[in-house]
N, C-alpha and C. Protein backbone atom coordinates (compact mmCIF):
# COMPACT_ATOMS: atom_id res chain seq x y z
N MET A 1 69.21 12.04 -112.57
CA MET A 1 68.06 12.76 -112.09
C MET A 1 66.91 11.80 -111.76
N ILE A 2 66.70 10.81 -112.55
CA ILE A 2 65.63 9.84 -112.34
C ILE A 2 65.88 9.08 -111.05
N VAL A 3 67.11 8.76 -110.78
CA VAL A 3 67.47 8.04 -109.56
C VAL A 3 67.13 8.87 -108.34
N LYS A 4 67.44 10.15 -108.39
CA LYS A 4 67.15 11.04 -107.29
C LYS A 4 65.66 11.14 -107.03
N ILE A 5 64.85 11.20 -108.05
CA ILE A 5 63.39 11.27 -107.89
C ILE A 5 62.87 9.99 -107.26
N GLN A 6 63.37 8.82 -107.68
CA GLN A 6 62.92 7.55 -107.10
C GLN A 6 63.29 7.49 -105.62
N ASN A 7 64.52 7.93 -105.29
CA ASN A 7 64.95 7.91 -103.89
C ASN A 7 64.10 8.86 -103.04
N THR A 8 63.77 10.02 -103.59
CA THR A 8 62.91 10.97 -102.89
C THR A 8 61.53 10.37 -102.70
N PHE A 9 61.01 9.69 -103.70
CA PHE A 9 59.70 9.05 -103.62
C PHE A 9 59.69 7.97 -102.54
N LYS A 10 60.75 7.14 -102.52
CA LYS A 10 60.86 6.09 -101.50
C LYS A 10 60.94 6.71 -100.10
N PHE A 11 61.68 7.81 -99.97
CA PHE A 11 61.83 8.48 -98.70
C PHE A 11 60.49 9.01 -98.19
N LYS A 12 59.70 9.63 -99.09
CA LYS A 12 58.39 10.16 -98.70
C LYS A 12 57.45 9.03 -98.33
N LYS A 13 57.52 7.90 -99.05
CA LYS A 13 56.68 6.74 -98.75
C LYS A 13 57.03 6.18 -97.37
N LEU A 14 58.34 6.08 -97.10
CA LEU A 14 58.81 5.61 -95.80
C LEU A 14 58.38 6.57 -94.70
N LEU A 15 58.49 7.85 -94.95
CA LEU A 15 58.09 8.86 -93.98
C LEU A 15 56.61 8.74 -93.66
N LYS A 16 55.78 8.50 -94.68
CA LYS A 16 54.35 8.32 -94.45
C LYS A 16 54.08 7.09 -93.59
N LYS A 17 54.79 5.98 -93.85
CA LYS A 17 54.62 4.76 -93.06
C LYS A 17 55.01 5.01 -91.61
N GLN A 18 56.11 5.73 -91.40
CA GLN A 18 56.59 5.97 -90.05
C GLN A 18 55.64 6.88 -89.27
N THR A 19 54.98 7.80 -89.91
CA THR A 19 54.04 8.66 -89.21
C THR A 19 52.66 8.03 -89.15
N LEU A 20 52.35 7.15 -90.09
CA LEU A 20 51.05 6.51 -90.12
C LEU A 20 50.92 5.46 -89.01
N ILE A 21 51.98 4.69 -88.80
CA ILE A 21 51.94 3.64 -87.78
C ILE A 21 51.76 4.24 -86.39
N PRO A 22 52.57 5.22 -85.98
CA PRO A 22 52.32 5.82 -84.66
C PRO A 22 50.93 6.46 -84.56
N PHE A 23 50.45 7.05 -85.65
CA PHE A 23 49.12 7.65 -85.66
C PHE A 23 48.06 6.58 -85.39
N ILE A 24 48.17 5.45 -86.06
CA ILE A 24 47.21 4.35 -85.87
C ILE A 24 47.34 3.80 -84.45
N MET A 25 48.56 3.64 -83.96
CA MET A 25 48.76 3.13 -82.60
C MET A 25 48.15 4.07 -81.56
N ARG A 26 48.34 5.37 -81.75
CA ARG A 26 47.75 6.33 -80.81
C ARG A 26 46.23 6.21 -80.81
N LYS A 27 45.65 6.04 -81.99
CA LYS A 27 44.19 5.92 -82.10
C LYS A 27 43.73 4.63 -81.42
N LEU A 28 44.46 3.53 -81.62
CA LEU A 28 44.08 2.26 -80.98
C LEU A 28 44.18 2.36 -79.46
N ILE A 29 45.22 3.00 -78.98
CA ILE A 29 45.37 3.17 -77.53
C ILE A 29 44.24 4.02 -76.98
N LEU A 30 43.91 5.09 -77.67
CA LEU A 30 42.82 5.96 -77.24
C LEU A 30 41.50 5.20 -77.22
N LEU A 31 41.24 4.42 -78.26
CA LEU A 31 40.01 3.63 -78.30
C LEU A 31 39.98 2.60 -77.18
N SER A 32 41.12 1.97 -76.89
CA SER A 32 41.20 1.00 -75.80
C SER A 32 40.88 1.65 -74.46
N VAL A 33 41.47 2.80 -74.23
CA VAL A 33 41.23 3.52 -72.97
C VAL A 33 39.75 3.89 -72.85
N LEU A 34 39.17 4.38 -73.93
CA LEU A 34 37.75 4.74 -73.91
C LEU A 34 36.88 3.52 -73.65
N LEU A 35 37.22 2.38 -74.26
CA LEU A 35 36.45 1.15 -74.06
C LEU A 35 36.54 0.69 -72.61
N ILE A 36 37.75 0.71 -72.06
CA ILE A 36 37.92 0.32 -70.66
C ILE A 36 37.14 1.25 -69.75
N PHE A 37 37.20 2.55 -69.99
CA PHE A 37 36.46 3.51 -69.20
C PHE A 37 34.96 3.26 -69.30
N ALA A 38 34.49 3.00 -70.50
CA ALA A 38 33.05 2.76 -70.68
C ALA A 38 32.61 1.51 -69.94
N CYS A 39 33.42 0.45 -69.98
CA CYS A 39 33.07 -0.78 -69.28
C CYS A 39 33.10 -0.59 -67.77
N SER A 40 34.12 0.08 -67.27
CA SER A 40 34.19 0.28 -65.83
C SER A 40 33.09 1.22 -65.35
N LYS A 41 32.73 2.18 -66.14
CA LYS A 41 31.64 3.09 -65.81
C LYS A 41 30.33 2.32 -65.68
N GLY A 42 30.12 1.36 -66.58
CA GLY A 42 28.91 0.54 -66.53
C GLY A 42 28.86 -0.31 -65.28
N ASP A 43 30.01 -0.88 -64.87
CA ASP A 43 30.05 -1.70 -63.67
C ASP A 43 29.73 -0.88 -62.43
N SER A 44 30.30 0.32 -62.34
CA SER A 44 30.06 1.12 -61.15
C SER A 44 28.60 1.58 -61.08
N LEU A 45 27.99 1.81 -62.23
CA LEU A 45 26.58 2.17 -62.22
C LEU A 45 25.74 1.02 -61.70
N ASN A 46 26.10 -0.21 -62.07
CA ASN A 46 25.37 -1.37 -61.60
C ASN A 46 25.50 -1.50 -60.09
N GLU A 47 26.72 -1.26 -59.57
CA GLU A 47 26.91 -1.33 -58.13
C GLU A 47 26.10 -0.25 -57.42
N GLU A 48 25.99 0.92 -58.02
CA GLU A 48 25.25 2.00 -57.39
C GLU A 48 23.76 1.69 -57.32
N THR A 49 23.23 0.96 -58.29
CA THR A 49 21.80 0.65 -58.27
C THR A 49 21.51 -0.51 -57.34
N GLY A 50 22.49 -1.39 -57.08
CA GLY A 50 22.31 -2.49 -56.15
C GLY A 50 22.40 -1.99 -54.72
N GLN A 51 22.03 -2.86 -53.79
CA GLN A 51 22.05 -2.49 -52.39
C GLN A 51 22.74 -3.58 -51.60
N THR A 52 23.53 -3.20 -50.62
CA THR A 52 24.14 -4.14 -49.70
C THR A 52 23.62 -3.82 -48.31
N ILE A 53 23.02 -4.82 -47.69
CA ILE A 53 22.52 -4.67 -46.33
C ILE A 53 23.46 -5.44 -45.42
N ILE A 54 23.99 -4.76 -44.42
CA ILE A 54 24.94 -5.38 -43.50
C ILE A 54 24.31 -5.51 -42.12
N LEU A 55 24.24 -6.76 -41.67
CA LEU A 55 23.76 -7.04 -40.31
C LEU A 55 24.98 -7.37 -39.47
N THR A 56 25.34 -6.46 -38.57
CA THR A 56 26.57 -6.62 -37.79
C THR A 56 26.40 -7.56 -36.60
N LEU A 57 25.17 -7.75 -36.16
CA LEU A 57 24.85 -8.53 -34.96
C LEU A 57 25.48 -7.93 -33.71
N ASP A 58 25.83 -6.66 -33.80
CA ASP A 58 26.33 -5.92 -32.63
C ASP A 58 25.14 -5.54 -31.76
N ASN A 59 25.34 -5.55 -30.49
CA ASN A 59 24.34 -5.07 -29.54
C ASN A 59 23.03 -5.83 -29.55
N VAL A 60 23.07 -7.14 -29.83
CA VAL A 60 21.88 -7.96 -29.63
C VAL A 60 21.68 -8.07 -28.12
N SER A 61 20.47 -7.91 -27.69
CA SER A 61 20.19 -7.91 -26.25
C SER A 61 20.54 -9.27 -25.63
N SER A 62 21.19 -9.22 -24.48
CA SER A 62 21.53 -10.46 -23.77
C SER A 62 20.29 -11.10 -23.15
N ASN A 63 19.17 -10.37 -23.15
CA ASN A 63 17.91 -10.92 -22.63
C ASN A 63 17.09 -11.62 -23.72
N THR A 64 17.63 -11.73 -24.91
CA THR A 64 16.90 -12.35 -26.02
C THR A 64 16.65 -13.82 -25.70
N VAL A 65 15.41 -14.24 -25.97
CA VAL A 65 15.03 -15.65 -25.77
C VAL A 65 14.60 -16.24 -27.11
N ILE A 66 14.42 -17.54 -27.15
CA ILE A 66 14.02 -18.22 -28.37
C ILE A 66 12.74 -17.62 -28.93
N ASN A 67 12.68 -17.46 -30.23
CA ASN A 67 11.56 -16.89 -30.99
C ASN A 67 11.30 -15.41 -30.73
N ASN A 68 12.13 -14.76 -29.92
CA ASN A 68 12.01 -13.33 -29.67
C ASN A 68 12.61 -12.59 -30.88
N VAL A 69 11.82 -11.72 -31.51
CA VAL A 69 12.25 -11.03 -32.73
C VAL A 69 12.89 -9.69 -32.37
N TRP A 70 14.05 -9.41 -32.98
CA TRP A 70 14.66 -8.09 -32.91
C TRP A 70 14.93 -7.62 -34.33
N THR A 71 15.13 -6.33 -34.49
CA THR A 71 15.29 -5.76 -35.83
C THR A 71 16.64 -5.08 -35.96
N GLU A 72 17.28 -5.34 -37.10
CA GLU A 72 18.51 -4.65 -37.45
C GLU A 72 18.43 -4.30 -38.93
N GLU A 73 18.67 -3.05 -39.28
CA GLU A 73 18.57 -2.57 -40.67
C GLU A 73 17.21 -2.90 -41.28
N ASN A 74 16.15 -2.77 -40.48
CA ASN A 74 14.76 -3.04 -40.90
C ASN A 74 14.53 -4.49 -41.30
N ILE A 75 15.34 -5.39 -40.78
CA ILE A 75 15.17 -6.82 -41.03
C ILE A 75 14.97 -7.51 -39.70
N ASN A 76 13.97 -8.39 -39.64
CA ASN A 76 13.68 -9.13 -38.42
C ASN A 76 14.58 -10.35 -38.31
N LEU A 77 15.11 -10.55 -37.10
CA LEU A 77 15.96 -11.71 -36.80
C LEU A 77 15.43 -12.38 -35.55
N SER A 78 15.70 -13.67 -35.42
CA SER A 78 15.32 -14.39 -34.20
C SER A 78 16.10 -15.69 -34.10
N PHE A 79 16.27 -16.16 -32.88
CA PHE A 79 16.83 -17.49 -32.65
C PHE A 79 15.66 -18.46 -32.62
N VAL A 80 15.77 -19.54 -33.37
CA VAL A 80 14.71 -20.55 -33.43
C VAL A 80 15.34 -21.94 -33.27
N SER A 81 14.50 -22.94 -33.09
CA SER A 81 14.99 -24.31 -32.94
C SER A 81 15.52 -24.85 -34.26
N THR A 82 16.48 -25.75 -34.15
CA THR A 82 17.04 -26.41 -35.33
C THR A 82 16.00 -27.33 -35.95
N THR A 83 16.23 -27.66 -37.23
CA THR A 83 15.32 -28.55 -37.97
C THR A 83 16.09 -29.78 -38.44
N ALA A 84 15.40 -30.66 -39.13
CA ALA A 84 16.03 -31.87 -39.67
C ALA A 84 17.10 -31.53 -40.70
N ASP A 85 17.06 -30.34 -41.28
CA ASP A 85 18.07 -29.93 -42.27
C ASP A 85 19.41 -29.59 -41.62
N ASP A 86 19.41 -29.35 -40.33
CA ASP A 86 20.61 -28.91 -39.64
C ASP A 86 21.48 -30.10 -39.22
N TYR A 87 22.77 -29.87 -39.16
CA TYR A 87 23.77 -30.88 -38.83
C TYR A 87 23.51 -31.51 -37.46
N CYS A 88 23.01 -30.71 -36.52
CA CYS A 88 22.82 -31.18 -35.14
C CYS A 88 21.45 -31.79 -34.88
N GLY A 89 20.62 -31.92 -35.89
CA GLY A 89 19.29 -32.50 -35.68
C GLY A 89 18.26 -31.47 -35.26
N THR A 90 17.08 -31.97 -34.89
CA THR A 90 15.93 -31.10 -34.64
C THR A 90 15.73 -30.73 -33.18
N GLY A 91 15.10 -29.56 -33.00
CA GLY A 91 14.58 -29.16 -31.70
C GLY A 91 15.54 -28.48 -30.76
N ASN A 92 16.75 -28.16 -31.18
CA ASN A 92 17.72 -27.54 -30.28
C ASN A 92 17.74 -26.02 -30.45
N SER A 93 17.87 -25.31 -29.35
CA SER A 93 18.05 -23.86 -29.45
C SER A 93 18.77 -23.34 -28.21
N THR A 94 20.08 -23.48 -28.24
CA THR A 94 20.92 -22.91 -27.21
C THR A 94 21.85 -21.93 -27.90
N PHE A 95 21.87 -20.70 -27.42
CA PHE A 95 22.65 -19.66 -28.09
C PHE A 95 23.22 -18.71 -27.05
N GLY A 96 24.19 -17.95 -27.47
CA GLY A 96 24.80 -16.95 -26.59
C GLY A 96 24.97 -15.64 -27.35
N VAL A 97 24.98 -14.55 -26.61
CA VAL A 97 25.10 -13.23 -27.21
C VAL A 97 26.36 -12.56 -26.67
N GLU A 98 27.23 -12.16 -27.57
CA GLU A 98 28.44 -11.40 -27.24
C GLU A 98 28.25 -9.98 -27.78
N ALA A 99 29.18 -9.10 -27.53
CA ALA A 99 29.05 -7.70 -27.95
C ALA A 99 29.03 -7.54 -29.47
N THR A 100 29.79 -8.38 -30.19
CA THR A 100 29.89 -8.19 -31.65
C THR A 100 29.55 -9.44 -32.46
N PHE A 101 29.06 -10.48 -31.81
CA PHE A 101 28.66 -11.69 -32.54
C PHE A 101 27.72 -12.51 -31.66
N VAL A 102 27.17 -13.56 -32.26
CA VAL A 102 26.32 -14.48 -31.50
C VAL A 102 26.87 -15.89 -31.63
N TRP A 103 26.64 -16.67 -30.59
CA TRP A 103 27.00 -18.09 -30.59
C TRP A 103 25.75 -18.92 -30.89
N LEU A 104 25.91 -19.97 -31.66
CA LEU A 104 24.87 -20.97 -31.84
C LEU A 104 25.47 -22.29 -31.37
N TYR A 105 24.85 -22.92 -30.31
CA TYR A 105 25.41 -24.19 -29.82
C TYR A 105 24.36 -25.06 -29.14
N PRO A 106 23.64 -25.85 -29.84
CA PRO A 106 23.20 -25.64 -31.22
C PRO A 106 21.93 -24.81 -31.25
N SER A 107 21.79 -24.10 -32.35
CA SER A 107 20.62 -23.27 -32.56
C SER A 107 20.58 -22.85 -34.02
N ARG A 108 19.54 -22.11 -34.33
CA ARG A 108 19.37 -21.57 -35.68
C ARG A 108 19.05 -20.08 -35.56
N LEU A 109 19.73 -19.27 -36.36
CA LEU A 109 19.44 -17.84 -36.45
C LEU A 109 18.62 -17.64 -37.72
N SER A 110 17.43 -17.10 -37.55
CA SER A 110 16.52 -16.88 -38.68
C SER A 110 16.55 -15.40 -39.06
N VAL A 111 16.79 -15.13 -40.36
CA VAL A 111 16.82 -13.77 -40.90
C VAL A 111 15.67 -13.67 -41.90
N ASP A 112 14.71 -12.81 -41.62
CA ASP A 112 13.52 -12.67 -42.46
C ASP A 112 13.84 -11.86 -43.71
N LEU A 113 13.71 -12.48 -44.88
CA LEU A 113 14.04 -11.84 -46.15
C LEU A 113 12.80 -11.47 -46.97
N GLN A 114 11.62 -11.64 -46.42
CA GLN A 114 10.39 -11.47 -47.20
C GLN A 114 10.22 -10.09 -47.81
N ASN A 115 10.75 -9.07 -47.18
CA ASN A 115 10.57 -7.70 -47.69
C ASN A 115 11.66 -7.26 -48.65
N LEU A 116 12.58 -8.16 -48.99
CA LEU A 116 13.67 -7.82 -49.90
C LEU A 116 13.42 -8.43 -51.27
N GLN A 117 13.70 -7.68 -52.31
CA GLN A 117 13.51 -8.15 -53.68
C GLN A 117 14.87 -8.37 -54.34
N SER A 118 14.91 -9.27 -55.29
CA SER A 118 16.08 -9.50 -56.17
C SER A 118 17.38 -9.71 -55.39
N ILE A 119 17.36 -10.64 -54.46
CA ILE A 119 18.58 -10.96 -53.72
C ILE A 119 19.50 -11.77 -54.63
N GLN A 120 20.74 -11.29 -54.80
CA GLN A 120 21.72 -11.98 -55.62
C GLN A 120 22.47 -13.05 -54.83
N ARG A 121 22.96 -12.63 -53.65
CA ARG A 121 23.71 -13.56 -52.82
C ARG A 121 23.73 -13.04 -51.39
N VAL A 122 24.13 -13.94 -50.51
CA VAL A 122 24.28 -13.60 -49.10
C VAL A 122 25.64 -14.12 -48.65
N GLU A 123 26.32 -13.34 -47.83
CA GLU A 123 27.59 -13.75 -47.25
C GLU A 123 27.45 -13.73 -45.73
N VAL A 124 27.98 -14.77 -45.08
CA VAL A 124 27.89 -14.89 -43.63
C VAL A 124 29.29 -15.14 -43.09
N ASP A 125 29.77 -14.24 -42.23
CA ASP A 125 31.08 -14.41 -41.59
C ASP A 125 30.90 -15.24 -40.34
N ILE A 126 31.62 -16.35 -40.28
CA ILE A 126 31.46 -17.30 -39.18
C ILE A 126 32.82 -17.71 -38.62
N ASN A 127 32.77 -18.40 -37.49
CA ASN A 127 33.92 -19.12 -36.96
C ASN A 127 33.34 -20.37 -36.31
N ASP A 128 33.58 -21.51 -36.95
CA ASP A 128 33.01 -22.78 -36.48
C ASP A 128 33.96 -23.44 -35.49
N TRP A 129 33.39 -24.06 -34.45
CA TRP A 129 34.18 -24.74 -33.42
C TRP A 129 33.81 -26.22 -33.34
N CYS A 130 33.24 -26.76 -34.39
CA CYS A 130 32.67 -28.10 -34.31
C CYS A 130 33.33 -29.06 -35.31
N ASN A 131 32.96 -28.95 -36.56
CA ASN A 131 33.43 -29.85 -37.60
C ASN A 131 33.07 -29.24 -38.95
N THR A 132 33.55 -29.79 -40.04
CA THR A 132 33.16 -29.28 -41.35
C THR A 132 31.66 -29.49 -41.56
N ASP A 133 31.04 -28.54 -42.23
CA ASP A 133 29.58 -28.52 -42.46
C ASP A 133 28.75 -28.50 -41.18
N CYS A 134 29.37 -28.15 -40.08
CA CYS A 134 28.65 -28.06 -38.81
C CYS A 134 27.92 -26.72 -38.71
N THR A 135 28.47 -25.69 -39.35
CA THR A 135 27.80 -24.39 -39.43
C THR A 135 27.35 -24.23 -40.88
N GLU A 136 26.05 -24.02 -41.06
CA GLU A 136 25.48 -23.95 -42.41
C GLU A 136 24.57 -22.74 -42.54
N ALA A 137 24.41 -22.29 -43.78
CA ALA A 137 23.48 -21.21 -44.08
C ALA A 137 22.61 -21.66 -45.24
N PHE A 138 21.30 -21.41 -45.12
CA PHE A 138 20.32 -21.86 -46.11
C PHE A 138 19.51 -20.67 -46.61
N LEU A 139 19.34 -20.58 -47.92
CA LEU A 139 18.38 -19.64 -48.50
C LEU A 139 17.10 -20.41 -48.77
N ILE A 140 16.00 -19.91 -48.23
CA ILE A 140 14.73 -20.64 -48.27
C ILE A 140 13.67 -19.78 -48.95
N ASP A 141 12.89 -20.40 -49.85
CA ASP A 141 11.83 -19.63 -50.53
C ASP A 141 10.54 -19.66 -49.72
N SER A 142 9.51 -19.00 -50.22
CA SER A 142 8.26 -18.84 -49.46
C SER A 142 7.52 -20.16 -49.22
N SER A 143 7.81 -21.19 -50.01
CA SER A 143 7.16 -22.47 -49.78
C SER A 143 7.99 -23.38 -48.86
N GLY A 144 9.09 -22.84 -48.32
CA GLY A 144 9.91 -23.60 -47.38
C GLY A 144 10.97 -24.47 -48.04
N VAL A 145 11.16 -24.31 -49.35
CA VAL A 145 12.15 -25.10 -50.07
C VAL A 145 13.51 -24.42 -49.99
N ILE A 146 14.53 -25.20 -49.67
CA ILE A 146 15.89 -24.68 -49.64
C ILE A 146 16.36 -24.48 -51.08
N LYS A 147 16.65 -23.24 -51.43
CA LYS A 147 17.09 -22.91 -52.80
C LYS A 147 18.59 -23.09 -52.96
N ASN A 148 19.35 -22.84 -51.91
CA ASN A 148 20.80 -23.02 -51.95
C ASN A 148 21.33 -23.00 -50.53
N ASN A 149 22.47 -23.61 -50.31
CA ASN A 149 23.07 -23.59 -48.98
C ASN A 149 24.58 -23.70 -49.08
N ALA A 150 25.25 -23.39 -47.99
CA ALA A 150 26.71 -23.51 -47.90
C ALA A 150 27.06 -23.88 -46.47
N GLY A 151 28.11 -24.68 -46.34
CA GLY A 151 28.59 -25.08 -45.02
C GLY A 151 30.06 -24.76 -44.86
N ASN A 152 30.50 -24.70 -43.61
CA ASN A 152 31.90 -24.36 -43.34
C ASN A 152 32.84 -25.47 -43.81
N THR A 153 34.04 -25.05 -44.20
CA THR A 153 35.10 -25.99 -44.59
C THR A 153 36.28 -25.90 -43.63
N LEU A 154 36.30 -24.85 -42.79
CA LEU A 154 37.38 -24.64 -41.83
C LEU A 154 36.85 -24.82 -40.41
N ILE A 155 37.75 -25.20 -39.52
CA ILE A 155 37.39 -25.35 -38.10
C ILE A 155 38.28 -24.42 -37.29
N GLN A 156 37.68 -23.70 -36.37
CA GLN A 156 38.36 -22.74 -35.49
C GLN A 156 39.15 -21.70 -36.29
N SER A 157 38.57 -21.29 -37.41
CA SER A 157 39.15 -20.24 -38.24
C SER A 157 38.03 -19.41 -38.83
N ALA A 158 38.29 -18.12 -38.99
CA ALA A 158 37.29 -17.25 -39.61
C ALA A 158 37.07 -17.69 -41.05
N GLU A 159 35.80 -17.65 -41.46
CA GLU A 159 35.43 -18.08 -42.81
C GLU A 159 34.18 -17.33 -43.24
N THR A 160 34.04 -17.10 -44.52
CA THR A 160 32.83 -16.48 -45.06
C THR A 160 32.08 -17.50 -45.90
N LEU A 161 30.85 -17.77 -45.51
CA LEU A 161 29.98 -18.63 -46.31
C LEU A 161 29.30 -17.75 -47.36
N ILE A 162 29.36 -18.17 -48.61
CA ILE A 162 28.75 -17.42 -49.70
C ILE A 162 27.63 -18.28 -50.29
N ILE A 163 26.42 -17.75 -50.26
CA ILE A 163 25.25 -18.47 -50.75
C ILE A 163 24.64 -17.66 -51.88
N GLU A 164 24.72 -18.19 -53.08
CA GLU A 164 24.17 -17.53 -54.27
C GLU A 164 22.68 -17.82 -54.37
N ASN A 165 21.96 -16.88 -54.94
CA ASN A 165 20.55 -17.08 -55.29
C ASN A 165 20.49 -17.11 -56.82
N PRO A 166 20.73 -18.27 -57.43
CA PRO A 166 20.91 -18.32 -58.88
C PRO A 166 19.73 -17.79 -59.69
N SER A 167 18.54 -18.00 -59.23
CA SER A 167 17.37 -17.53 -59.98
C SER A 167 17.02 -16.09 -59.64
N GLU A 168 17.59 -15.58 -58.54
CA GLU A 168 17.25 -14.25 -58.02
C GLU A 168 15.75 -14.14 -57.75
N GLY A 169 15.11 -15.30 -57.57
CA GLY A 169 13.69 -15.34 -57.24
C GLY A 169 13.48 -14.94 -55.79
N PRO A 170 12.21 -14.75 -55.41
CA PRO A 170 11.91 -14.31 -54.04
C PRO A 170 12.32 -15.35 -52.99
N LEU A 171 12.79 -14.84 -51.88
CA LEU A 171 13.20 -15.68 -50.75
C LEU A 171 12.46 -15.22 -49.51
N SER A 172 12.23 -16.16 -48.60
CA SER A 172 11.55 -15.78 -47.37
C SER A 172 12.49 -15.74 -46.17
N GLU A 173 13.58 -16.52 -46.23
CA GLU A 173 14.40 -16.63 -45.03
C GLU A 173 15.84 -17.01 -45.37
N LEU A 174 16.74 -16.49 -44.56
CA LEU A 174 18.10 -16.99 -44.47
C LEU A 174 18.17 -17.66 -43.11
N ALA A 175 18.46 -18.96 -43.10
CA ALA A 175 18.60 -19.69 -41.84
C ALA A 175 20.06 -20.08 -41.66
N ILE A 176 20.61 -19.73 -40.51
CA ILE A 176 22.01 -20.05 -40.21
C ILE A 176 21.99 -20.95 -38.98
N SER A 177 22.58 -22.12 -39.11
CA SER A 177 22.58 -23.04 -37.97
C SER A 177 23.99 -23.51 -37.66
N SER A 178 24.19 -23.91 -36.41
CA SER A 178 25.48 -24.46 -36.00
C SER A 178 25.30 -25.29 -34.74
N CYS A 179 26.17 -26.28 -34.60
CA CYS A 179 26.22 -27.03 -33.35
C CYS A 179 27.06 -26.26 -32.32
N GLU A 180 28.10 -25.61 -32.82
CA GLU A 180 28.92 -24.75 -31.98
C GLU A 180 29.69 -23.81 -32.89
N GLY A 181 29.15 -22.62 -33.09
CA GLY A 181 29.79 -21.68 -33.99
C GLY A 181 29.41 -20.24 -33.70
N GLN A 182 30.27 -19.35 -34.11
CA GLN A 182 30.04 -17.92 -33.96
C GLN A 182 29.56 -17.34 -35.29
N ILE A 183 28.58 -16.46 -35.23
CA ILE A 183 28.10 -15.73 -36.40
C ILE A 183 28.47 -14.27 -36.16
N HIS A 184 29.33 -13.72 -37.04
CA HIS A 184 29.87 -12.38 -36.84
C HIS A 184 29.16 -11.31 -37.66
N GLU A 185 28.81 -11.61 -38.90
CA GLU A 185 28.18 -10.60 -39.76
C GLU A 185 27.47 -11.29 -40.91
N VAL A 186 26.40 -10.64 -41.38
CA VAL A 186 25.64 -11.11 -42.54
C VAL A 186 25.56 -9.94 -43.52
N ARG A 187 25.86 -10.24 -44.79
CA ARG A 187 25.75 -9.23 -45.86
C ARG A 187 24.79 -9.75 -46.92
N ILE A 188 23.80 -8.94 -47.25
CA ILE A 188 22.79 -9.33 -48.23
C ILE A 188 22.95 -8.39 -49.43
N TYR A 189 23.17 -8.98 -50.61
CA TYR A 189 23.37 -8.19 -51.84
C TYR A 189 22.13 -8.30 -52.72
N THR A 190 21.56 -7.16 -53.09
CA THR A 190 20.38 -7.15 -53.96
C THR A 190 20.69 -6.34 -55.22
N LEU A 191 19.85 -6.52 -56.21
CA LEU A 191 19.99 -5.74 -57.45
C LEU A 191 19.47 -4.35 -57.24
């Protein structure tokens, strides 16, 4: 009789372990799913509060001349002369306008950022026809200091230049220059 009671006790103990482990595993899985959901929910909320401004450069007037300002998405743009910071040197401004992009050969496209706050980064879709670092994009602050820049690494291939604003401090301009390159789209990401 004592043997039977011990075996029954061992059986009940084993039964508890077998039901306890799946119970704990189910709880851990549930907690993991809730944690993942909470984290992803937080990320999407952050994206919803941020803003992405897309400048397509579609329909720029073919009558545009140097220093002539046009507006897209409430942002002023203009073709201006190159500076000493540009690969092609100073004082050049030859550009072309196509239906869905602009040519710089050589020239500088100036994008006025003064009315935008908390810019995180800017992306510029390009196709360079010159050389590496021949097409460049510069983030410039209000005192004219270049805060960050990026240049092309591919030639005769589509590429996206990504320029971070590490401090997220105020910026006055995005300057895009090239000796011979196409600018297809600009995306500005803000908080």
